Amino acid sequence: MKKLAVLVGLLVLLSACSLVEEVDSSLDYLDKAKDQINSLSELSNEIPSLVDKSGSDPQTQKQLVEKLNNLKEDLKQFNQLEAPSVAEDVHQQITEKSEQLINEIDSVVENGNIAIERIENSKLVKTLNDVNELFNRIENLGLN
């Protein structure tokens, strides 16, 4: 009987540890999603101005390329995260939209240079805003 009580106690303890780990994982995921939200919001606000200046200023063009390349890497890293169960569907949508955004970036950046005419005619800003909306859905899931 004592062994059964110890076994039950051990199972309860393991379940509690698992729950704590899941909560920690969810909070970590939410923190990373919030970081992405901030980055995407900042970049979507900056892109129009950077594009306008990039045509005549090589330094601004370099800055824009760097920001887009950093965004690509951030999106790839976020896509690799394991989403908590409550965010799995949204994470899948983010992954799909992120891949679309990465392709948009690749279509306007060639060999470290940006094709201004391509970015003006691309869906880059719209896709960026779409991805940002999906990240906002994660923030509103109540994981915090």
C-alpha atoms as a PDB file:
ATOM      1  CA  MET A   1       0.000   0.000   0.000  1.00  0.00           C
ATOM      2  CA  LYS A   2       2.872   2.310   0.844  1.00  0.00           C
ATOM      3  CA  LYS A   3       4.449   1.627  -2.540  1.00  0.00           C
ATOM      4  CA  LEU A   4       1.186   2.507  -4.278  1.00  0.00           C
ATOM      5  CA  ALA A   5       0.953   5.790  -2.383  1.00  0.00           C
ATOM      6  CA  VAL A   6       4.553   6.632  -3.281  1.00  0.00           C
ATOM      7  CA  LEU A   7       3.893   5.726  -6.920  1.00  0.00           C
ATOM      8  CA  VAL A   8       0.755   7.891  -7.040  1.00  0.00           C
ATOM      9  CA  GLY A   9       2.632  10.742  -5.367  1.00  0.00           C
ATOM     10  CA  LEU A  10       5.441  10.401  -7.887  1.00  0.00           C
ATOM     11  CA  LEU A  11       2.982  10.457 -10.793  1.00  0.00           C
ATOM     12  CA  VAL A  12       1.312  13.586  -9.432  1.00  0.00           C
ATOM     13  CA  LEU A  13       4.703  15.244  -9.027  1.00  0.00           C
ATOM     14  CA  LEU A  14       5.717  14.330 -12.591  1.00  0.00           C
ATOM     15  CA  SER A  15       2.425  15.670 -13.928  1.00  0.00           C
ATOM     16  CA  ALA A  16       2.940  18.938 -12.095  1.00  0.00           C
ATOM     17  CA  CYS A  17       6.486  19.235 -13.466  1.00  0.00           C
ATOM     18  CA  SER A  18       5.186  18.609 -16.974  1.00  0.00           C
ATOM     19  CA  LEU A  19       2.563  21.303 -16.554  1.00  0.00           C
ATOM     20  CA  VAL A  20       5.171  23.782 -15.299  1.00  0.00           C
ATOM     21  CA  GLU A  21       7.404  22.971 -18.280  1.00  0.00           C
ATOM     22  CA  GLU A  22       4.491  23.516 -20.680  1.00  0.00           C
ATOM     23  CA  VAL A  23       3.665  26.871 -19.086  1.00  0.00           C
ATOM     24  CA  ASP A  24       7.337  27.907 -19.266  1.00  0.00           C
ATOM     25  CA  SER A  25       7.480  26.839 -22.905  1.00  0.00           C
ATOM     26  CA  SER A  26       4.314  28.790 -23.683  1.00  0.00           C
ATOM     27  CA  LEU A  27       5.672  31.907 -22.009  1.00  0.00           C
ATOM     28  CA  ASP A  28       8.969  31.595 -23.867  1.00  0.00           C
ATOM     29  CA  TYR A  29       7.075  31.216 -27.149  1.00  0.00           C
ATOM     30  CA  LEU A  30       4.955  34.261 -26.328  1.00  0.00           C
ATOM     31  CA  ASP A  31       8.055  36.337 -25.531  1.00  0.00           C
ATOM     32  CA  LYS A  32       9.574  35.408 -28.890  1.00  0.00           C
ATOM     33  CA  ALA A  33       6.292  36.189 -30.648  1.00  0.00           C
ATOM     34  CA  LYS A  34       6.193  39.613 -28.983  1.00  0.00           C
ATOM     35  CA  ASP A  35       9.756  40.281 -30.145  1.00  0.00           C
ATOM     36  CA  GLN A  36       8.687  39.414 -33.684  1.00  0.00           C
ATOM     37  CA  ILE A  37       5.636  41.673 -33.407  1.00  0.00           C
ATOM     38  CA  ASN A  38       7.844  44.580 -32.390  1.00  0.00           C
ATOM     39  CA  SER A  39      10.346  43.924 -35.192  1.00  0.00           C
ATOM     40  CA  LEU A  40       7.654  43.541 -37.834  1.00  0.00           C
ATOM     41  CA  SER A  41       5.789  46.649 -36.718  1.00  0.00           C
ATOM     42  CA  GLU A  42       8.962  48.701 -36.727  1.00  0.00           C
ATOM     43  CA  LEU A  43      10.018  47.471 -40.145  1.00  0.00           C
ATOM     44  CA  SER A  44       6.585  47.912 -41.735  1.00  0.00           C
ATOM     45  CA  ASN A  45       6.630  51.528 -40.551  1.00  0.00           C
ATOM     46  CA  GLU A  46      10.172  52.108 -41.833  1.00  0.00           C
ATOM     47  CA  ILE A  47       9.960  50.418 -45.243  1.00  0.00           C
ATOM     48  CA  PRO A  48       8.175  53.168 -47.200  1.00  0.00           C
ATOM     49  CA  SER A  49      10.694  55.779 -46.097  1.00  0.00           C
ATOM     50  CA  LEU A  50      13.668  53.480 -46.632  1.00  0.00           C
ATOM     51  CA  VAL A  51      12.465  52.557 -50.114  1.00  0.00           C
ATOM     52  CA  ASP A  52      12.027  56.227 -51.040  1.00  0.00           C
ATOM     53  CA  LYS A  53      15.542  57.085 -49.854  1.00  0.00           C
ATOM     54  CA  SER A  54      17.190  53.932 -51.232  1.00  0.00           C
ATOM     55  CA  GLY A  55      16.934  55.069 -54.832  1.00  0.00           C
ATOM     56  CA  SER A  56      19.340  57.938 -54.224  1.00  0.00           C
ATOM     57  CA  ASP A  57      21.263  56.889 -51.122  1.00  0.00           C
ATOM     58  CA  PRO A  58      23.431  53.748 -51.239  1.00  0.00           C
ATOM     59  CA  GLN A  59      23.812  53.772 -47.441  1.00  0.00           C
ATOM     60  CA  THR A  60      20.025  53.645 -46.972  1.00  0.00           C
ATOM     61  CA  GLN A  61      19.813  50.886 -49.551  1.00  0.00           C
ATOM     62  CA  LYS A  62      22.423  48.913 -47.614  1.00  0.00           C
ATOM     63  CA  GLN A  63      20.470  49.495 -44.395  1.00  0.00           C
ATOM     64  CA  LEU A  64      17.243  48.284 -46.025  1.00  0.00           C
ATOM     65  CA  VAL A  65      18.916  45.139 -47.363  1.00  0.00           C
ATOM     66  CA  GLU A  66      20.374  44.446 -43.913  1.00  0.00           C
ATOM     67  CA  LYS A  67      16.988  44.883 -42.237  1.00  0.00           C
ATOM     68  CA  LEU A  68      15.293  42.582 -44.750  1.00  0.00           C
ATOM     69  CA  ASN A  69      17.996  39.933 -44.390  1.00  0.00           C
ATOM     70  CA  ASN A  70      17.757  40.110 -40.599  1.00  0.00           C
ATOM     71  CA  LEU A  71      13.999  39.749 -40.850  1.00  0.00           C
ATOM     72  CA  LYS A  72      14.424  36.655 -43.021  1.00  0.00           C
ATOM     73  CA  GLU A  73      16.681  35.031 -40.449  1.00  0.00           C
ATOM     74  CA  ASP A  74      14.367  35.968 -37.568  1.00  0.00           C
ATOM     75  CA  LEU A  75      11.388  34.472 -39.396  1.00  0.00           C
ATOM     76  CA  LYS A  76      13.272  31.266 -40.160  1.00  0.00           C
ATOM     77  CA  GLN A  77      14.234  30.921 -36.500  1.00  0.00           C
ATOM     78  CA  PHE A  78      10.703  31.589 -35.301  1.00  0.00           C
ATOM     79  CA  ASN A  79       9.305  29.060 -37.768  1.00  0.00           C
ATOM     80  CA  GLN A  80      11.534  26.409 -36.157  1.00  0.00           C
ATOM     81  CA  LEU A  81      10.007  26.947 -32.704  1.00  0.00           C
ATOM     82  CA  GLU A  82       7.642  24.396 -31.278  1.00  0.00           C
ATOM     83  CA  ALA A  83       4.367  26.164 -30.669  1.00  0.00           C
ATOM     84  CA  PRO A  84       2.309  25.466 -27.552  1.00  0.00           C
ATOM     85  CA  SER A  85      -0.830  23.489 -28.327  1.00  0.00           C
ATOM     86  CA  VAL A  86      -3.058  26.557 -28.021  1.00  0.00           C
ATOM     87  CA  ALA A  87      -1.038  28.344 -30.739  1.00  0.00           C
ATOM     88  CA  GLU A  88      -0.368  25.468 -33.167  1.00  0.00           C
ATOM     89  CA  ASP A  89      -2.887  26.575 -35.806  1.00  0.00           C
ATOM     90  CA  VAL A  90      -1.755  30.194 -35.749  1.00  0.00           C
ATOM     91  CA  HIS A  91       1.894  29.111 -35.785  1.00  0.00           C
ATOM     92  CA  GLN A  92       1.233  27.062 -38.922  1.00  0.00           C
ATOM     93  CA  GLN A  93      -0.356  30.106 -40.576  1.00  0.00           C
ATOM     94  CA  ILE A  94       2.600  32.238 -39.508  1.00  0.00           C
ATOM     95  CA  THR A  95       5.012  29.690 -40.947  1.00  0.00           C
ATOM     96  CA  GLU A  96       3.191  29.718 -44.293  1.00  0.00           C
ATOM     97  CA  LYS A  97       2.999  33.525 -44.447  1.00  0.00           C
ATOM     98  CA  SER A  98       6.611  33.817 -43.287  1.00  0.00           C
ATOM     99  CA  GLU A  99       7.726  31.599 -46.158  1.00  0.00           C
ATOM    100  CA  GLN A 100       5.785  33.851 -48.508  1.00  0.00           C
ATOM    101  CA  LEU A 101       7.469  36.908 -46.987  1.00  0.00           C
ATOM    102  CA  ILE A 102      10.899  35.278 -47.276  1.00  0.00           C
ATOM    103  CA  ASN A 103      10.199  34.614 -50.954  1.00  0.00           C
ATOM    104  CA  GLU A 104       9.126  38.247 -51.413  1.00  0.00           C
ATOM    105  CA  ILE A 105      12.367  39.419 -49.808  1.00  0.00           C
ATOM    106  CA  ASP A 106      14.373  37.072 -52.029  1.00  0.00           C
ATOM    107  CA  SER A 107      12.604  38.466 -55.083  1.00  0.00           C
ATOM    108  CA  VAL A 108      13.642  42.057 -54.316  1.00  0.00           C
ATOM    109  CA  VAL A 109      17.133  41.459 -52.914  1.00  0.00           C
ATOM    110  CA  GLU A 110      19.750  40.133 -55.311  1.00  0.00           C
ATOM    111  CA  ASN A 111      23.435  39.716 -54.468  1.00  0.00           C
ATOM    112  CA  GLY A 112      23.167  42.106 -51.544  1.00  0.00           C
ATOM    113  CA  ASN A 113      21.418  44.779 -53.612  1.00  0.00           C
ATOM    114  CA  ILE A 114      17.796  45.724 -53.610  1.00  0.00           C
ATOM    115  CA  ALA A 115      15.809  46.232 -56.779  1.00  0.00           C
ATOM    116  CA  ILE A 116      13.794  49.326 -55.848  1.00  0.00           C
ATOM    117  CA  GLU A 117      11.384  48.918 -58.758  1.00  0.00           C
ATOM    118  CA  ARG A 118      10.660  45.363 -57.636  1.00  0.00           C
ATOM    119  CA  ILE A 119      10.003  46.335 -54.038  1.00  0.00           C
ATOM    120  CA  GLU A 120       7.627  49.092 -55.144  1.00  0.00           C
ATOM    121  CA  ASN A 121       5.697  46.575 -57.248  1.00  0.00           C
ATOM    122  CA  SER A 122       5.887  43.687 -54.778  1.00  0.00           C
ATOM    123  CA  LYS A 123       3.493  42.534 -52.108  1.00  0.00           C
ATOM    124  CA  LEU A 124       6.266  42.810 -49.533  1.00  0.00           C
ATOM    125  CA  VAL A 125       4.618  45.403 -47.289  1.00  0.00           C
ATOM    126  CA  LYS A 126       1.211  43.700 -47.469  1.00  0.00           C
ATOM    127  CA  THR A 127       2.728  40.320 -46.638  1.00  0.00           C
ATOM    128  CA  LEU A 128       4.717  41.902 -43.815  1.00  0.00           C
ATOM    129  CA  ASN A 129       1.497  43.339 -42.391  1.00  0.00           C
ATOM    130  CA  ASP A 130      -0.273  39.971 -42.810  1.00  0.00           C
ATOM    131  CA  VAL A 131       2.447  38.206 -40.837  1.00  0.00           C
ATOM    132  CA  ASN A 132       2.281  40.901 -38.179  1.00  0.00           C
ATOM    133  CA  GLU A 133      -1.484  40.377 -37.831  1.00  0.00           C
ATOM    134  CA  LEU A 134      -0.908  36.662 -37.257  1.00  0.00           C
ATOM    135  CA  PHE A 135       1.649  37.404 -34.550  1.00  0.00           C
ATOM    136  CA  ASN A 136      -0.886  39.704 -32.924  1.00  0.00           C
ATOM    137  CA  ARG A 137      -3.321  36.765 -32.842  1.00  0.00           C
ATOM    138  CA  ILE A 138      -0.764  34.823 -30.801  1.00  0.00           C
ATOM    139  CA  GLU A 139      -0.437  37.713 -28.394  1.00  0.00           C
ATOM    140  CA  ASN A 140      -4.213  37.700 -27.979  1.00  0.00           C
ATOM    141  CA  LEU A 141      -4.460  33.949 -27.265  1.00  0.00           C
ATOM    142  CA  GLY A 142      -4.082  34.580 -23.573  1.00  0.00           C
ATOM    143  CA  LEU A 143      -0.831  32.708 -23.068  1.00  0.00           C
ATOM    144  CA  ASN A 144       0.400  35.322 -20.631  1.00  0.00           C
END
